[in-house]
N, C-alpha and C. Protein backbone atom coordinates (compact mmCIF):
# COMPACT_ATOMS: atom_id res chain seq x y z
N MET A 1 0.82 -1.19 0.00
CA MET A 1 0.00 0.00 0.00
C MET A 1 0.87 1.26 0.00
N LEU A 2 1.98 1.23 0.72
CA LEU A 2 2.85 2.39 0.72
C LEU A 2 3.40 2.66 -0.67
N THR A 3 3.88 1.60 -1.31
CA THR A 3 4.44 1.73 -2.65
C THR A 3 3.41 2.25 -3.63
N GLU A 4 2.19 1.69 -3.57
CA GLU A 4 1.14 2.11 -4.48
C GLU A 4 0.78 3.57 -4.32
N ASN A 5 1.01 4.11 -3.13
CA ASN A 5 0.69 5.51 -2.87
C ASN A 5 1.90 6.43 -2.99
N GLY A 6 3.01 5.88 -3.52
CA GLY A 6 4.19 6.69 -3.75
C GLY A 6 4.93 7.11 -2.49
N ILE A 7 4.74 6.38 -1.41
CA ILE A 7 5.41 6.71 -0.16
C ILE A 7 6.73 5.94 -0.10
N LEU A 8 7.82 6.68 0.01
CA LEU A 8 9.13 6.07 0.09
C LEU A 8 9.36 5.51 1.49
N PHE A 9 10.00 4.34 1.55
CA PHE A 9 10.29 3.75 2.85
C PHE A 9 11.51 2.84 2.74
N ASP A 10 12.14 2.64 3.87
CA ASP A 10 13.23 1.68 3.99
C ASP A 10 12.68 0.48 4.73
N SER A 11 13.20 -0.67 4.41
CA SER A 11 12.76 -1.91 5.05
C SER A 11 13.94 -2.54 5.78
N LEU A 12 13.74 -2.89 7.02
CA LEU A 12 14.78 -3.57 7.80
C LEU A 12 14.36 -5.01 8.03
N GLN A 13 15.30 -5.91 7.96
CA GLN A 13 15.03 -7.33 8.19
C GLN A 13 15.55 -7.72 9.57
N TRP A 14 14.70 -8.37 10.37
CA TRP A 14 15.10 -8.78 11.71
C TRP A 14 15.85 -10.10 11.67
N SER A 15 16.82 -10.22 12.52
CA SER A 15 17.51 -11.49 12.68
C SER A 15 16.62 -12.43 13.49
N ASN A 16 16.89 -13.71 13.41
CA ASN A 16 16.15 -14.67 14.23
C ASN A 16 16.34 -14.37 15.71
N GLU A 17 17.52 -13.90 16.07
CA GLU A 17 17.80 -13.56 17.47
C GLU A 17 16.93 -12.41 17.94
N ALA A 18 16.74 -11.40 17.09
CA ALA A 18 15.89 -10.26 17.46
C ALA A 18 14.43 -10.65 17.55
N VAL A 19 14.02 -11.62 16.74
CA VAL A 19 12.65 -12.10 16.84
C VAL A 19 12.45 -12.81 18.18
N LEU A 20 13.44 -13.56 18.61
CA LEU A 20 13.35 -14.27 19.90
C LEU A 20 13.53 -13.33 21.08
N ASP A 21 14.35 -12.30 20.91
CA ASP A 21 14.62 -11.33 21.98
C ASP A 21 14.51 -9.93 21.38
N PRO A 22 13.29 -9.35 21.40
CA PRO A 22 13.07 -8.05 20.76
C PRO A 22 13.97 -6.93 21.26
N ALA A 23 14.52 -7.06 22.45
CA ALA A 23 15.44 -6.02 22.95
C ALA A 23 16.64 -5.86 22.01
N LEU A 24 16.98 -6.92 21.26
CA LEU A 24 18.09 -6.84 20.32
C LEU A 24 17.77 -5.93 19.14
N SER A 25 16.50 -5.64 18.91
CA SER A 25 16.13 -4.75 17.82
C SER A 25 16.30 -3.28 18.20
N VAL A 26 16.38 -3.00 19.50
CA VAL A 26 16.47 -1.61 19.96
C VAL A 26 17.69 -0.89 19.38
N PRO A 27 18.92 -1.41 19.55
CA PRO A 27 20.07 -0.67 19.00
C PRO A 27 20.04 -0.56 17.48
N VAL A 28 19.45 -1.53 16.80
CA VAL A 28 19.34 -1.47 15.34
C VAL A 28 18.44 -0.29 14.94
N LEU A 29 17.29 -0.18 15.59
CA LEU A 29 16.36 0.91 15.26
C LEU A 29 16.90 2.26 15.72
N VAL A 30 17.56 2.30 16.87
CA VAL A 30 18.15 3.56 17.34
C VAL A 30 19.21 4.02 16.35
N ALA A 31 20.06 3.11 15.89
CA ALA A 31 21.10 3.46 14.91
C ALA A 31 20.45 3.97 13.62
N TYR A 32 19.37 3.32 13.22
CA TYR A 32 18.66 3.78 12.01
C TYR A 32 18.15 5.20 12.20
N LEU A 33 17.50 5.46 13.33
CA LEU A 33 16.96 6.80 13.58
C LEU A 33 18.06 7.85 13.67
N GLU A 34 19.18 7.49 14.26
CA GLU A 34 20.30 8.44 14.35
C GLU A 34 20.88 8.72 12.96
N SER A 35 20.88 7.73 12.08
CA SER A 35 21.39 7.90 10.71
C SER A 35 20.36 8.57 9.80
N ASN A 36 19.11 8.51 10.20
CA ASN A 36 18.00 9.07 9.40
C ASN A 36 17.13 9.94 10.30
N PRO A 37 17.65 11.08 10.74
CA PRO A 37 16.93 11.89 11.74
C PRO A 37 15.60 12.47 11.26
N ASP A 38 15.37 12.47 9.95
CA ASP A 38 14.10 12.99 9.43
C ASP A 38 13.03 11.93 9.30
N THR A 39 13.24 10.76 9.89
CA THR A 39 12.25 9.69 9.84
C THR A 39 10.94 10.18 10.41
N LYS A 40 9.87 9.97 9.67
CA LYS A 40 8.54 10.45 10.08
C LYS A 40 7.71 9.37 10.76
N ALA A 41 7.98 8.08 10.40
CA ALA A 41 7.14 7.01 10.93
C ALA A 41 7.91 5.69 10.97
N ILE A 42 7.49 4.84 11.87
CA ILE A 42 7.98 3.47 11.95
C ILE A 42 6.76 2.56 11.95
N ILE A 43 6.76 1.60 11.05
CA ILE A 43 5.71 0.58 11.01
C ILE A 43 6.40 -0.75 11.27
N VAL A 44 5.99 -1.42 12.30
CA VAL A 44 6.53 -2.75 12.62
C VAL A 44 5.48 -3.77 12.19
N PRO A 45 5.65 -4.36 11.00
CA PRO A 45 4.64 -5.31 10.53
C PRO A 45 4.78 -6.68 11.19
N GLY A 46 3.73 -7.10 11.84
CA GLY A 46 3.63 -8.48 12.29
C GLY A 46 4.52 -8.95 13.40
N HIS A 47 5.06 -8.09 14.20
CA HIS A 47 5.89 -8.56 15.30
C HIS A 47 5.60 -7.78 16.58
N GLY A 48 4.79 -8.38 17.45
CA GLY A 48 4.37 -7.72 18.68
C GLY A 48 5.50 -7.43 19.63
N GLY A 49 6.51 -8.27 19.66
CA GLY A 49 7.64 -8.05 20.57
C GLY A 49 8.39 -6.79 20.23
N ILE A 50 8.60 -6.55 18.95
CA ILE A 50 9.32 -5.34 18.54
C ILE A 50 8.42 -4.12 18.70
N THR A 51 7.13 -4.27 18.46
CA THR A 51 6.20 -3.17 18.74
C THR A 51 6.31 -2.76 20.20
N ALA A 52 6.42 -3.73 21.08
CA ALA A 52 6.46 -3.46 22.52
C ALA A 52 7.69 -2.68 22.98
N VAL A 53 8.75 -2.64 22.16
CA VAL A 53 9.96 -1.91 22.57
C VAL A 53 10.10 -0.56 21.85
N LEU A 54 9.08 -0.16 21.08
CA LEU A 54 9.19 1.09 20.35
C LEU A 54 9.40 2.30 21.26
N ASP A 55 8.79 2.30 22.44
CA ASP A 55 9.01 3.44 23.34
C ASP A 55 10.47 3.54 23.74
N ARG A 56 11.10 2.41 24.00
CA ARG A 56 12.52 2.40 24.36
C ARG A 56 13.37 2.86 23.18
N VAL A 57 13.02 2.43 21.99
CA VAL A 57 13.75 2.85 20.78
C VAL A 57 13.73 4.37 20.67
N LEU A 58 12.55 4.96 20.77
CA LEU A 58 12.42 6.40 20.60
C LEU A 58 13.10 7.16 21.73
N THR A 59 12.98 6.66 22.94
CA THR A 59 13.64 7.29 24.08
C THR A 59 15.15 7.27 23.90
N ASP A 60 15.68 6.09 23.56
CA ASP A 60 17.13 5.95 23.37
C ASP A 60 17.64 6.79 22.20
N ALA A 61 16.79 7.04 21.21
CA ALA A 61 17.17 7.85 20.06
C ALA A 61 16.96 9.34 20.31
N GLY A 62 16.48 9.69 21.51
CA GLY A 62 16.28 11.09 21.85
C GLY A 62 15.06 11.72 21.22
N LYS A 63 14.10 10.90 20.86
CA LYS A 63 12.86 11.41 20.24
C LYS A 63 11.81 11.64 21.31
N ALA A 64 11.06 12.71 21.15
CA ALA A 64 9.98 13.03 22.08
C ALA A 64 8.74 12.23 21.71
N PRO A 65 7.84 12.03 22.69
CA PRO A 65 6.57 11.35 22.37
C PRO A 65 5.86 12.06 21.22
N GLY A 66 5.44 11.29 20.22
CA GLY A 66 4.72 11.85 19.09
C GLY A 66 5.59 12.42 17.99
N GLU A 67 6.88 12.52 18.22
CA GLU A 67 7.77 13.07 17.19
C GLU A 67 7.86 12.16 15.97
N VAL A 68 7.79 10.85 16.21
CA VAL A 68 7.78 9.86 15.14
C VAL A 68 6.49 9.07 15.29
N VAL A 69 5.69 9.00 14.25
CA VAL A 69 4.47 8.20 14.26
C VAL A 69 4.90 6.74 14.24
N THR A 70 4.32 5.95 15.13
CA THR A 70 4.70 4.53 15.21
C THR A 70 3.46 3.65 15.20
N SER A 71 3.63 2.49 14.60
CA SER A 71 2.54 1.52 14.62
C SER A 71 3.12 0.12 14.59
N GLY A 72 2.32 -0.80 15.10
CA GLY A 72 2.75 -2.19 15.13
C GLY A 72 1.57 -3.09 15.42
N PHE A 73 1.89 -4.31 15.86
CA PHE A 73 0.86 -5.31 16.05
C PHE A 73 0.94 -5.92 17.45
N ASP A 74 -0.17 -6.41 17.92
CA ASP A 74 -0.31 -7.20 19.13
C ASP A 74 -0.25 -6.36 20.41
N ILE A 75 -1.38 -6.27 21.05
CA ILE A 75 -1.49 -5.53 22.31
C ILE A 75 -0.76 -6.30 23.40
N SER A 76 0.07 -5.59 24.13
CA SER A 76 0.79 -6.15 25.28
C SER A 76 0.83 -5.07 26.35
N SER A 77 1.26 -5.43 27.55
CA SER A 77 1.34 -4.41 28.60
C SER A 77 2.35 -3.33 28.22
N ALA A 78 3.46 -3.73 27.57
CA ALA A 78 4.45 -2.74 27.14
C ALA A 78 3.89 -1.83 26.05
N ALA A 79 3.12 -2.39 25.13
CA ALA A 79 2.51 -1.58 24.07
C ALA A 79 1.48 -0.62 24.67
N ILE A 80 0.73 -1.09 25.63
CA ILE A 80 -0.24 -0.22 26.31
C ILE A 80 0.48 0.96 26.95
N GLN A 81 1.57 0.69 27.64
CA GLN A 81 2.32 1.77 28.29
C GLN A 81 2.91 2.71 27.24
N GLY A 82 3.38 2.15 26.13
CA GLY A 82 3.92 2.99 25.05
C GLY A 82 2.88 3.93 24.48
N VAL A 83 1.65 3.44 24.35
CA VAL A 83 0.54 4.29 23.87
C VAL A 83 0.23 5.36 24.92
N LYS A 84 0.14 4.96 26.18
CA LYS A 84 -0.15 5.92 27.25
C LYS A 84 0.90 7.03 27.31
N ASP A 85 2.17 6.65 27.10
CA ASP A 85 3.27 7.61 27.17
C ASP A 85 3.42 8.44 25.89
N GLY A 86 2.66 8.08 24.83
CA GLY A 86 2.70 8.84 23.60
C GLY A 86 3.76 8.41 22.61
N TYR A 87 4.49 7.34 22.90
CA TYR A 87 5.53 6.88 21.98
C TYR A 87 4.99 5.95 20.90
N ILE A 88 3.90 5.25 21.18
CA ILE A 88 3.29 4.38 20.18
C ILE A 88 1.96 4.99 19.78
N THR A 89 1.76 5.14 18.48
CA THR A 89 0.57 5.81 17.96
C THR A 89 -0.61 4.87 17.85
N VAL A 90 -0.40 3.70 17.25
CA VAL A 90 -1.49 2.75 17.08
C VAL A 90 -0.92 1.32 17.10
N VAL A 91 -1.67 0.44 17.74
CA VAL A 91 -1.33 -0.98 17.76
C VAL A 91 -2.54 -1.74 17.22
N LEU A 92 -2.32 -2.51 16.19
CA LEU A 92 -3.39 -3.35 15.63
C LEU A 92 -3.29 -4.72 16.27
N ASP A 93 -4.44 -5.35 16.49
CA ASP A 93 -4.37 -6.70 17.06
C ASP A 93 -5.39 -7.61 16.43
N GLN A 94 -5.16 -8.88 16.60
CA GLN A 94 -6.00 -9.90 15.99
C GLN A 94 -7.14 -10.32 16.90
N GLN A 95 -7.26 -9.66 18.03
CA GLN A 95 -8.31 -9.94 18.99
C GLN A 95 -8.35 -11.43 19.35
N PRO A 96 -7.34 -11.88 20.08
CA PRO A 96 -7.20 -13.31 20.36
C PRO A 96 -8.39 -13.94 21.09
N TYR A 97 -9.14 -13.16 21.84
CA TYR A 97 -10.33 -13.72 22.47
C TYR A 97 -11.27 -14.26 21.40
N LEU A 98 -11.45 -13.46 20.34
CA LEU A 98 -12.30 -13.92 19.23
C LEU A 98 -11.69 -15.12 18.53
N GLN A 99 -10.36 -15.15 18.43
CA GLN A 99 -9.69 -16.27 17.77
C GLN A 99 -9.94 -17.58 18.53
N GLY A 100 -10.10 -17.50 19.83
CA GLY A 100 -10.39 -18.70 20.61
C GLY A 100 -11.87 -19.00 20.71
N PHE A 101 -12.69 -17.96 20.84
CA PHE A 101 -14.12 -18.12 21.05
C PHE A 101 -14.87 -18.54 19.79
N MET A 102 -14.56 -17.90 18.67
CA MET A 102 -15.32 -18.15 17.45
C MET A 102 -15.15 -19.57 16.91
N PRO A 103 -13.98 -20.21 17.01
CA PRO A 103 -13.91 -21.61 16.58
C PRO A 103 -14.81 -22.54 17.39
N VAL A 104 -15.00 -22.22 18.66
CA VAL A 104 -15.91 -23.01 19.49
C VAL A 104 -17.34 -22.81 18.99
N VAL A 105 -17.72 -21.56 18.72
CA VAL A 105 -19.04 -21.28 18.16
C VAL A 105 -19.22 -22.03 16.84
N ALA A 106 -18.19 -21.98 15.98
CA ALA A 106 -18.27 -22.66 14.69
C ALA A 106 -18.45 -24.17 14.87
N ALA A 107 -17.73 -24.75 15.82
CA ALA A 107 -17.84 -26.19 16.06
C ALA A 107 -19.24 -26.56 16.55
N VAL A 108 -19.80 -25.75 17.44
CA VAL A 108 -21.15 -26.01 17.95
C VAL A 108 -22.16 -25.89 16.81
N LEU A 109 -22.04 -24.84 16.00
CA LEU A 109 -22.96 -24.66 14.87
C LEU A 109 -22.87 -25.81 13.87
N GLN A 110 -21.66 -26.29 13.65
CA GLN A 110 -21.49 -27.41 12.73
C GLN A 110 -22.09 -28.68 13.29
N LYS A 111 -21.82 -28.96 14.55
CA LYS A 111 -22.32 -30.20 15.16
C LYS A 111 -23.84 -30.17 15.32
N LYS A 112 -24.37 -29.04 15.81
CA LYS A 112 -25.80 -28.97 16.11
C LYS A 112 -26.67 -28.75 14.88
N TYR A 113 -26.20 -27.91 13.94
CA TYR A 113 -27.05 -27.53 12.81
C TYR A 113 -26.48 -27.89 11.44
N GLY A 114 -25.31 -28.48 11.42
CA GLY A 114 -24.69 -28.84 10.15
C GLY A 114 -24.15 -27.66 9.38
N LEU A 115 -24.01 -26.51 10.03
CA LEU A 115 -23.46 -25.33 9.37
C LEU A 115 -21.94 -25.43 9.37
N ALA A 116 -21.34 -25.21 8.23
CA ALA A 116 -19.88 -25.32 8.14
C ALA A 116 -19.31 -24.12 7.41
N GLY A 117 -18.01 -23.98 7.52
CA GLY A 117 -17.31 -22.96 6.76
C GLY A 117 -17.35 -21.56 7.34
N LEU A 118 -17.58 -21.43 8.65
CA LEU A 118 -17.56 -20.10 9.26
C LEU A 118 -16.17 -19.51 9.14
N GLN A 119 -16.08 -18.33 8.56
CA GLN A 119 -14.81 -17.63 8.43
C GLN A 119 -14.98 -16.24 9.03
N LEU A 120 -14.00 -15.85 9.84
CA LEU A 120 -14.09 -14.56 10.50
C LEU A 120 -12.70 -13.95 10.58
N ASN A 121 -12.57 -12.76 10.06
CA ASN A 121 -11.33 -12.01 10.19
C ASN A 121 -11.39 -11.28 11.53
N THR A 122 -10.55 -11.67 12.46
CA THR A 122 -10.57 -11.06 13.79
C THR A 122 -9.56 -9.91 13.91
N GLY A 123 -8.98 -9.47 12.80
CA GLY A 123 -7.91 -8.49 12.84
C GLY A 123 -8.33 -7.04 12.87
N GLY A 124 -9.54 -6.73 13.23
CA GLY A 124 -10.01 -5.36 13.18
C GLY A 124 -9.79 -4.53 14.43
N GLY A 125 -9.12 -5.09 15.43
CA GLY A 125 -8.96 -4.33 16.66
C GLY A 125 -7.78 -3.38 16.60
N TYR A 126 -7.86 -2.29 17.34
CA TYR A 126 -6.75 -1.35 17.39
C TYR A 126 -6.74 -0.65 18.75
N LEU A 127 -5.55 -0.23 19.13
CA LEU A 127 -5.32 0.47 20.39
C LEU A 127 -4.70 1.82 20.08
N THR A 128 -5.29 2.89 20.60
CA THR A 128 -4.76 4.24 20.45
C THR A 128 -4.91 4.97 21.78
N LYS A 129 -4.44 6.20 21.82
CA LYS A 129 -4.60 6.99 23.04
C LYS A 129 -6.06 7.21 23.38
N ASP A 130 -6.93 7.13 22.37
CA ASP A 130 -8.36 7.37 22.59
C ASP A 130 -9.09 6.21 23.26
N ASN A 131 -8.56 5.00 23.16
CA ASN A 131 -9.25 3.86 23.77
C ASN A 131 -8.36 3.03 24.70
N VAL A 132 -7.18 3.54 24.99
CA VAL A 132 -6.22 2.76 25.78
C VAL A 132 -6.76 2.38 27.16
N GLU A 133 -7.44 3.28 27.81
CA GLU A 133 -7.94 2.98 29.16
C GLU A 133 -8.97 1.85 29.13
N ALA A 134 -9.90 1.92 28.22
CA ALA A 134 -10.94 0.88 28.12
C ALA A 134 -10.34 -0.46 27.73
N LEU A 135 -9.42 -0.46 26.77
CA LEU A 135 -8.82 -1.72 26.33
C LEU A 135 -7.89 -2.31 27.38
N GLU A 136 -7.22 -1.47 28.12
CA GLU A 136 -6.34 -1.97 29.19
C GLU A 136 -7.14 -2.79 30.18
N ALA A 137 -8.33 -2.32 30.53
CA ALA A 137 -9.18 -3.07 31.45
C ALA A 137 -9.60 -4.42 30.84
N LEU A 138 -9.89 -4.43 29.55
CA LEU A 138 -10.28 -5.69 28.88
C LEU A 138 -9.10 -6.65 28.76
N VAL A 139 -7.90 -6.13 28.56
CA VAL A 139 -6.70 -6.97 28.50
C VAL A 139 -6.51 -7.66 29.85
N LYS A 140 -6.70 -6.92 30.92
CA LYS A 140 -6.51 -7.49 32.26
C LYS A 140 -7.50 -8.61 32.56
N THR A 141 -8.68 -8.56 31.94
CA THR A 141 -9.67 -9.61 32.16
C THR A 141 -9.53 -10.78 31.19
N GLY A 142 -8.64 -10.63 30.19
CA GLY A 142 -8.41 -11.69 29.23
C GLY A 142 -9.31 -11.64 28.01
N ILE A 143 -10.12 -10.60 27.90
CA ILE A 143 -11.03 -10.47 26.76
C ILE A 143 -10.28 -9.90 25.56
N ARG A 144 -9.34 -9.03 25.77
CA ARG A 144 -8.55 -8.47 24.66
C ARG A 144 -7.14 -8.85 24.84
C-alpha cells in the first residue's frame, strides 16, 4: 500500500535472534533513527515483541513522544504503556479472544445444525490513546 501511494520507505530485516529477543532490535532501530533523523514514521509489521519496545527505541534515540508516528501489532502491557506515554501511535491486534471463542461457536454450529465454513477475520482491533484505558481493562480480564 505504501508503494502504491508513492510513499518512500526503507525496510529492515530482523535477525532470528531479534525475533526471539526483541530487545536486540532496539540498538538497530536507534542506529537507524540516528542515521536518518528525518524519519517520520515506523511501522513494525507483524511482530508484537518489537512493537512493545518502540518506546525504548524512541527514548534511546532522543525522540519526544509523538515526534515519530509509530505503529505495530499485538497488544501487550508494554505496548499499552507505550501508547499511554505517547511513543506508540497505534497498535493493531488480531483480537485473540475472538480467535479462541469463534472456533468453538463454529464447532457447535457445525455439530448442532450442520453449518460449516464459518470464516471470520478477527484483525479489526486497534489500540490508540483514545481507547487505551478501556482496552487496558479488557486486557486485564483476558477479553482483549
